[in-house]
Protein backbone atom coordinates (compact mmCIF):
# COMPACT_ATOMS: atom_id res chain seq x y z
CA UNK A 1 -31.99 7.93 -21.07
CA UNK A 2 -29.48 5.37 -22.29
CA UNK A 3 -29.13 7.31 -25.53
CA UNK A 4 -28.05 10.41 -23.59
CA UNK A 5 -25.54 8.32 -21.64
CA UNK A 6 -24.01 7.03 -24.87
CA UNK A 7 -23.86 10.63 -26.11
CA UNK A 8 -22.02 11.62 -22.95
CA UNK A 9 -19.40 8.91 -23.51
CA UNK A 10 -18.97 10.08 -27.10
CA UNK A 11 -18.73 13.76 -26.13
CA UNK A 12 -16.17 12.92 -23.43
CA UNK A 13 -14.09 10.96 -25.96
CA UNK A 14 -14.14 13.91 -28.37
CA UNK A 15 -13.40 16.48 -25.67
CA UNK A 16 -16.60 18.42 -26.37
CA UNK A 17 -16.87 20.34 -23.09
CA UNK A 18 -20.06 22.24 -24.03
CA UNK A 19 -21.90 19.04 -24.94
CA UNK A 20 -20.60 17.26 -21.82
CA UNK A 21 -21.76 20.15 -19.61
CA UNK A 22 -25.19 20.24 -21.26
CA UNK A 23 -25.67 16.49 -20.81
CA UNK A 24 -24.54 16.65 -17.17
CA UNK A 25 -26.90 19.58 -16.52
CA UNK A 26 -29.77 17.55 -17.98
CA UNK A 27 -29.13 14.79 -15.44
CA UNK A 28 -27.32 12.25 -17.61
CA UNK A 29 -25.71 9.43 -15.62
CA UNK A 30 -21.93 10.07 -15.45
CA UNK A 31 -21.24 6.52 -14.23
CA UNK A 32 -22.59 4.76 -17.35
CA UNK A 33 -20.35 2.18 -19.06
CA UNK A 34 -20.74 1.97 -22.84
CA UNK A 35 -20.34 -1.00 -25.16
CA UNK A 36 -16.55 -0.71 -24.97
CA UNK A 37 -16.70 -1.16 -21.19
CA UNK A 38 -15.63 2.45 -20.56
CA UNK A 39 -17.37 5.27 -18.71
CA UNK A 40 -17.17 8.97 -19.71
CA UNK A 41 -14.26 9.64 -17.31
CA UNK A 42 -12.23 6.83 -18.86
CA UNK A 43 -12.88 8.13 -22.37
CA UNK A 44 -11.76 11.63 -21.38
CA UNK A 45 -8.69 10.29 -19.56
CA UNK A 46 -7.69 8.10 -22.50
CA UNK A 47 -7.73 11.13 -24.79
CA UNK A 48 -6.23 13.54 -22.24
CA UNK A 49 -9.19 15.93 -22.17
CA UNK A 50 -8.50 17.66 -18.83
CA UNK A 51 -11.40 20.20 -18.95
CA UNK A 52 -13.87 17.36 -19.52
CA UNK A 53 -12.37 15.41 -16.62
CA UNK A 54 -12.87 18.43 -14.37
CA UNK A 55 -16.54 18.65 -15.36
CA UNK A 56 -17.15 14.94 -14.87
CA UNK A 57 -15.37 14.76 -11.51
CA UNK A 58 -17.35 17.78 -10.28
CA UNK A 59 -20.52 15.97 -11.33
CA UNK A 60 -19.62 12.95 -9.19
CA UNK A 61 -17.96 10.63 -11.70
CA UNK A 62 -16.07 8.04 -9.58
CA UNK A 63 -12.29 8.43 -9.93
CA UNK A 64 -11.83 4.80 -8.87
CA UNK A 65 -14.23 3.07 -11.27
CA UNK A 66 -12.76 0.04 -13.05
CA UNK A 67 -13.26 -1.21 -16.60
CA UNK A 68 -13.86 -4.94 -17.22
CA UNK A 69 -10.10 -5.28 -17.78
CA UNK A 70 -9.43 -3.83 -14.30
CA UNK A 71 -8.17 -0.42 -15.40
CA UNK A 72 -9.18 2.93 -13.92
CA UNK A 73 -9.29 6.36 -15.55
CA UNK A 74 -5.91 7.10 -13.99
CA UNK A 75 -4.45 3.96 -15.55
CA UNK A 76 -5.62 5.10 -18.99
CA UNK A 77 -4.14 8.58 -18.49
CA UNK A 78 -0.86 6.99 -17.34
CA UNK A 79 -0.71 4.59 -20.27
CA UNK A 80 -1.25 7.36 -22.80
CA UNK A 81 1.16 9.79 -21.11
CA UNK A 82 -1.43 12.51 -20.50
CA UNK A 83 0.23 14.26 -17.55
CA UNK A 84 -2.38 16.97 -16.95
CA UNK A 85 -5.21 14.44 -16.97
CA UNK A 86 -3.18 12.13 -14.74
CA UNK A 87 -2.50 14.89 -12.20
CA UNK A 88 -6.20 15.83 -12.09
CA UNK A 89 -7.21 12.24 -11.39
CA UNK A 90 -4.40 11.74 -8.89
CA UNK A 91 -5.48 14.81 -6.91
CA UNK A 92 -9.10 13.68 -7.06
CA UNK A 93 -8.07 10.28 -5.72
CA UNK A 94 -5.99 11.72 -2.89
CA UNK A 95 -8.76 14.11 -1.83
CA UNK A 96 -11.40 11.38 -1.94
CA UNK A 97 -9.27 8.95 0.05
CA UNK A 98 -8.41 11.58 2.67
CA UNK A 99 -12.11 12.15 3.23
CA UNK A 100 -13.72 8.77 2.50
CA UNK A 101 -10.98 6.12 2.33
CA UNK A 102 -12.77 4.09 -0.32
CA UNK A 103 -10.15 1.59 -1.49
CA UNK A 104 -7.67 0.22 1.01
CA UNK A 105 -9.74 0.81 4.13
CA UNK A 106 -12.42 -1.74 4.87
CA UNK A 107 -15.85 -0.23 5.37
CA UNK A 108 -17.22 -0.73 8.89
CA UNK A 109 -13.99 -2.49 9.82
CA UNK A 110 -14.13 -4.12 13.24
CA UNK A 111 -11.71 -2.80 15.84
CA UNK A 112 -9.83 -6.11 15.91
CA UNK A 113 -9.15 -6.44 12.18
CA UNK A 114 -6.16 -8.71 12.64
CA UNK A 115 -7.77 -11.08 15.12
CA UNK A 116 -9.19 -13.47 12.49
CA UNK A 117 -5.72 -14.01 11.06
CA UNK A 118 -4.19 -14.51 14.52
CA UNK A 119 -6.70 -17.27 15.26
CA UNK A 120 -6.13 -18.86 11.86
CA UNK A 121 -3.88 -21.82 11.12
CA UNK A 122 -0.85 -21.02 8.99
CA UNK A 123 1.37 -23.29 6.94
CA UNK A 124 5.06 -22.91 6.16
CA UNK A 125 6.91 -24.08 3.07
CA UNK A 126 10.31 -23.24 1.68
CA UNK A 127 9.06 -20.28 -0.34
CA UNK A 128 5.87 -19.08 1.33
CA UNK A 129 3.82 -18.63 4.49
CA UNK A 130 0.09 -19.21 3.87
CA UNK A 131 -3.12 -18.82 5.80
CA UNK A 132 -5.87 -21.46 5.87
CA UNK A 133 -7.54 -19.97 2.78
CA UNK A 134 -4.35 -20.34 0.69
CA UNK A 135 -3.72 -16.60 0.78
CA UNK A 136 -0.05 -15.72 1.03
CA UNK A 137 1.07 -14.04 4.25
CA UNK A 138 4.63 -13.71 2.97
CA UNK A 139 6.61 -15.14 0.05
CA UNK A 140 10.25 -15.75 -0.78
CA UNK A 141 10.14 -13.44 -3.83
CA UNK A 142 10.08 -10.56 -1.34
CA UNK A 143 13.59 -11.39 -0.08
CA UNK A 144 15.44 -8.73 -2.16
CA UNK A 145 12.86 -6.15 -1.03
CA UNK A 146 13.29 -7.12 2.60
CA UNK A 147 17.08 -6.88 2.25
CA UNK A 148 16.65 -3.35 0.88
CA UNK A 149 14.30 -2.44 3.75
CA UNK A 150 16.80 -3.81 6.27
CA UNK A 151 19.62 -1.80 4.72
CA UNK A 152 17.51 1.36 5.02
CA UNK A 153 16.42 0.94 8.65
CA UNK A 154 19.90 -0.18 9.74
CA UNK A 155 21.71 2.66 7.96
CA UNK A 156 22.10 4.63 11.19
CA UNK A 157 23.14 1.62 13.28
CA UNK A 158 21.95 1.49 16.87
CA UNK A 159 18.64 -0.04 17.97
CA UNK A 160 16.18 -1.52 15.46
CA UNK A 161 12.50 -2.51 15.77
CA UNK A 162 10.61 -4.79 13.37
CA UNK A 163 6.86 -5.26 13.67
CA UNK A 164 5.82 -8.55 12.02
CA UNK A 165 8.23 -11.50 11.70
CA UNK A 166 6.46 -13.63 9.07
CA UNK A 167 9.12 -15.78 7.40
CA UNK A 168 11.89 -13.83 9.08
CA UNK A 169 13.23 -12.43 5.81
CA UNK A 170 13.71 -8.86 7.02
CA UNK A 171 14.93 -9.95 10.44
CA UNK A 172 17.58 -12.23 8.92
CA UNK A 173 18.71 -9.29 6.81
CA UNK A 174 18.72 -6.95 9.83
CA UNK A 175 20.96 -9.39 11.72
CA UNK A 176 23.64 -9.02 9.02
CA UNK A 177 24.09 -5.40 10.15
CA UNK A 178 24.64 -6.47 13.80
CA UNK A 179 22.46 -3.78 15.41
CA UNK A 180 23.03 -2.90 19.07
CA UNK A 181 19.59 -4.34 19.77
CA UNK A 182 16.97 -5.94 17.53
CA UNK A 183 13.39 -6.00 18.85
CA UNK A 184 10.81 -8.14 17.01
CA UNK A 185 7.06 -7.88 17.60
CA UNK A 186 5.12 -10.94 16.42
CA UNK A 187 1.46 -11.67 17.18
CA UNK A 188 0.72 -15.03 15.55
CA UNK A 189 1.20 -17.91 18.03
CA UNK A 190 2.39 -20.44 15.41
CA UNK A 191 4.86 -17.98 13.88
CA UNK A 192 6.07 -17.12 17.39
CA UNK A 193 6.64 -20.79 18.28
CA UNK A 194 8.50 -21.34 15.02
CA UNK A 195 10.72 -18.35 15.85
CA UNK A 196 11.62 -19.91 19.19
CA UNK A 197 12.31 -23.31 17.61
CA UNK A 198 14.57 -21.60 15.07
CA UNK A 199 16.69 -20.09 17.83
CA UNK A 200 15.66 -16.45 17.56
CA UNK A 201 15.12 -16.30 21.31
CA UNK A 202 18.76 -17.25 21.94
CA UNK A 203 20.33 -14.48 19.84
CA UNK A 204 22.22 -12.08 22.10
CA UNK A 205 20.96 -8.83 20.59
CA UNK A 206 17.37 -10.01 19.90
CA UNK A 207 14.34 -9.26 22.05
CA UNK A 208 11.05 -10.91 21.03
CA UNK A 209 7.80 -9.25 22.10
CA UNK A 210 4.80 -11.57 21.60
CA UNK A 211 1.46 -9.88 20.93
CA UNK A 212 -0.33 -7.42 18.68
CA UNK A 213 1.65 -4.21 18.40
CA UNK A 214 -1.39 -2.29 19.63
CA UNK A 215 -1.25 -4.28 22.88
CA UNK A 216 2.50 -4.22 23.55
CA UNK A 217 3.38 -0.56 22.97
CA UNK A 218 4.24 -0.17 26.65
CA UNK A 219 6.99 -2.80 26.22
CA UNK A 220 8.67 -0.89 23.40
CA UNK A 221 11.38 1.75 23.71
CA UNK A 222 12.87 4.23 21.20
CA UNK A 223 14.70 3.11 18.08
CA UNK A 224 17.13 4.29 15.41
CA UNK A 225 15.37 2.22 12.75
CA UNK A 226 11.84 0.80 12.49
CA UNK A 227 10.23 -1.53 9.94
CA UNK A 228 6.49 -2.31 9.84
CA UNK A 229 4.98 -5.26 7.96
CA UNK A 230 1.87 -6.87 9.46
CA UNK A 231 -0.72 -9.18 7.91
CA UNK A 232 -4.49 -9.16 8.34
CA UNK A 233 -4.60 -5.43 9.01
CA UNK A 234 -5.74 -2.50 6.89
CA UNK A 235 -4.55 0.95 5.89
CA UNK A 236 -6.13 2.43 9.01
CA UNK A 237 -3.88 0.19 11.14
CA UNK A 238 -0.81 1.48 9.32
CA UNK A 239 -2.03 5.05 9.85
CA UNK A 240 -2.57 4.32 13.54
CA UNK A 241 0.97 2.97 13.85
CA UNK A 242 2.28 6.15 12.24
CA UNK A 243 0.74 8.17 15.06
CA UNK A 244 3.21 6.47 17.43
CA UNK A 245 6.31 7.18 15.32
CA UNK A 246 7.18 10.40 17.20
CA UNK A 247 7.28 8.29 20.39
CA UNK A 248 9.03 5.21 18.96
CA UNK A 249 11.50 6.66 16.43
CA UNK A 250 14.49 8.67 17.59
CA UNK A 251 15.06 12.07 15.90
CA UNK A 252 16.87 11.43 12.63
CA UNK A 253 15.94 7.73 12.74
CA UNK A 254 14.79 5.81 9.65
CA UNK A 255 11.33 4.27 9.27
CA UNK A 256 10.13 2.01 6.47
CA UNK A 257 7.15 -0.27 5.84
CA UNK A 258 6.13 -2.95 3.34
CA UNK A 259 4.50 -0.89 0.62
CA UNK A 260 1.88 -3.34 -0.60
CA UNK A 261 -0.86 -0.70 -0.73
CA UNK A 262 -3.19 -1.50 -3.66
CA UNK A 263 -0.54 -3.74 -5.19
CA UNK A 264 -2.85 -5.00 -7.93
CA UNK A 265 -3.58 -1.64 -9.61
CA UNK A 266 -0.86 0.75 -10.77
CA UNK A 267 -2.86 3.98 -10.45
CA UNK A 268 -4.41 3.16 -7.07
CA UNK A 269 -0.90 2.30 -5.84
CA UNK A 270 0.36 5.74 -6.92
CA UNK A 271 -2.56 7.39 -5.11
CA UNK A 272 -1.73 5.56 -1.90
CA UNK A 273 2.01 6.24 -2.19
CA UNK A 274 1.15 9.95 -2.34
CA UNK A 275 -1.44 9.65 0.41
CA UNK A 276 0.84 7.92 2.92
CA UNK A 277 3.67 10.35 2.09
CA UNK A 278 1.31 13.27 2.74
CA UNK A 279 0.11 11.83 6.03
CA UNK A 280 3.68 11.16 7.20
CA UNK A 281 4.65 14.70 6.17
CA UNK A 282 1.89 16.00 8.44
CA UNK A 283 3.57 14.07 11.28
CA UNK A 284 6.93 15.67 10.52
CA UNK A 285 8.52 13.02 8.30
CA UNK A 286 9.83 13.22 4.76
CA UNK A 287 9.32 10.14 2.58
CA UNK A 288 11.56 9.06 -0.27
CA UNK A 289 10.14 6.34 -2.54
CA UNK A 290 12.92 4.27 -4.12
CA UNK A 291 11.82 2.33 -7.25
CA UNK A 292 12.89 -1.32 -7.31
CA UNK A 293 12.05 -3.42 -10.40
CA UNK A 294 10.37 -6.70 -9.40
CA UNK A 295 8.98 -7.98 -12.70
CA UNK A 296 11.75 -10.58 -13.07
CA UNK A 297 10.95 -11.97 -9.60
CA UNK A 298 7.33 -12.70 -10.45
CA UNK A 299 6.96 -15.47 -13.01
CA UNK A 300 3.74 -17.49 -13.14
CA UNK A 301 5.29 -20.32 -11.09
CA UNK A 302 5.72 -17.98 -8.11
CA UNK A 303 1.95 -17.86 -7.60
CA UNK A 304 1.23 -21.60 -7.93
CA UNK A 305 -1.15 -22.64 -5.17
CA UNK A 306 -1.74 -19.06 -4.04
CA UNK A 307 -5.37 -17.95 -4.04
CA UNK A 308 -4.75 -14.23 -4.42
CA UNK A 309 -1.90 -12.35 -6.10
CA UNK A 310 -1.31 -9.52 -3.67
CA UNK A 311 1.30 -7.92 -5.94
CA UNK A 312 0.87 -7.47 -9.72
CA UNK A 313 3.03 -4.42 -10.56
CA UNK A 314 6.43 -4.25 -12.25
CA UNK A 315 7.94 -1.77 -9.79
CA UNK A 316 8.02 -1.71 -6.00
CA UNK A 317 8.43 1.69 -4.34
CA UNK A 318 10.45 1.29 -1.15
CA UNK A 319 9.62 4.01 1.38
CA UNK A 320 12.43 5.58 3.40
CA UNK A 321 11.07 8.00 5.99
CA UNK A 322 13.01 10.35 8.24
CA UNK A 323 12.12 13.25 10.52
CA UNK A 324 12.29 16.53 8.64
CA UNK A 325 14.34 18.16 11.43
CA UNK A 326 17.87 16.76 11.68
CA UNK A 327 18.96 15.58 15.14
CA UNK A 328 21.04 18.08 17.05
């Protein structure tokens, strides 16, 4: 059977749709990786053979398979500039994630996904906040991004909500715009105590709400700007928060969130940018993604002592979301 699998990879690379169809119909494994470390879908994507991609995807070839170098079929299509192939794979990814949620959602996730982090010890240094496993909760390289987020959510003035204090980067930036009120939700006890020691509780326009956002919704009001950036949660938690936007965000208000979705793979990141935009659109919000180059912020020294690089892309797409209907 391995011979047929190798033939399928070769036929996919050549764009031979008839041969690909015949091999699929005979039961050839569409997930096989050849000696180059590529599967048939990757070969077809690399060469831009859209009809072959359609056949392979219909036969169950996984859109999110990764080569030994960590690249997916979509990455190969992107690299080679094959727009039709890229669009096919992007749509396949969006559809699969809408139904299955195979990447950024944790399978059989417990209801209290963030509880482990909240019970964990954290350590602060000048340029990072770390958990006990040396995974970064927040890092100083994000400061320009947080300043851009703050500018977006404060653009309408008024009352601002931030969910997740971390190192206080976005909240410090929000303060520069002197909002009428500035509500901060923070759930980690050590981060909360550090906030109080740093004087955040004494600021005239600041209200601190201690607890998980899921547990303190009744203490929140309506806001002109909202930013969301939690740690130890998953995509489902972000989606759940979005369900409360119509209650929390005033008509015409601005919402933004830290867009770290699949930050280690360029194609998966694009899929999730589209997915979250689609889901927000279904709730009545338009999403603009503003590209911000971050490559120069991320030299090797930035990640010294950090167990996991949660961001590996050259461009950060800052989401700016607003209700489709303008306020009266």
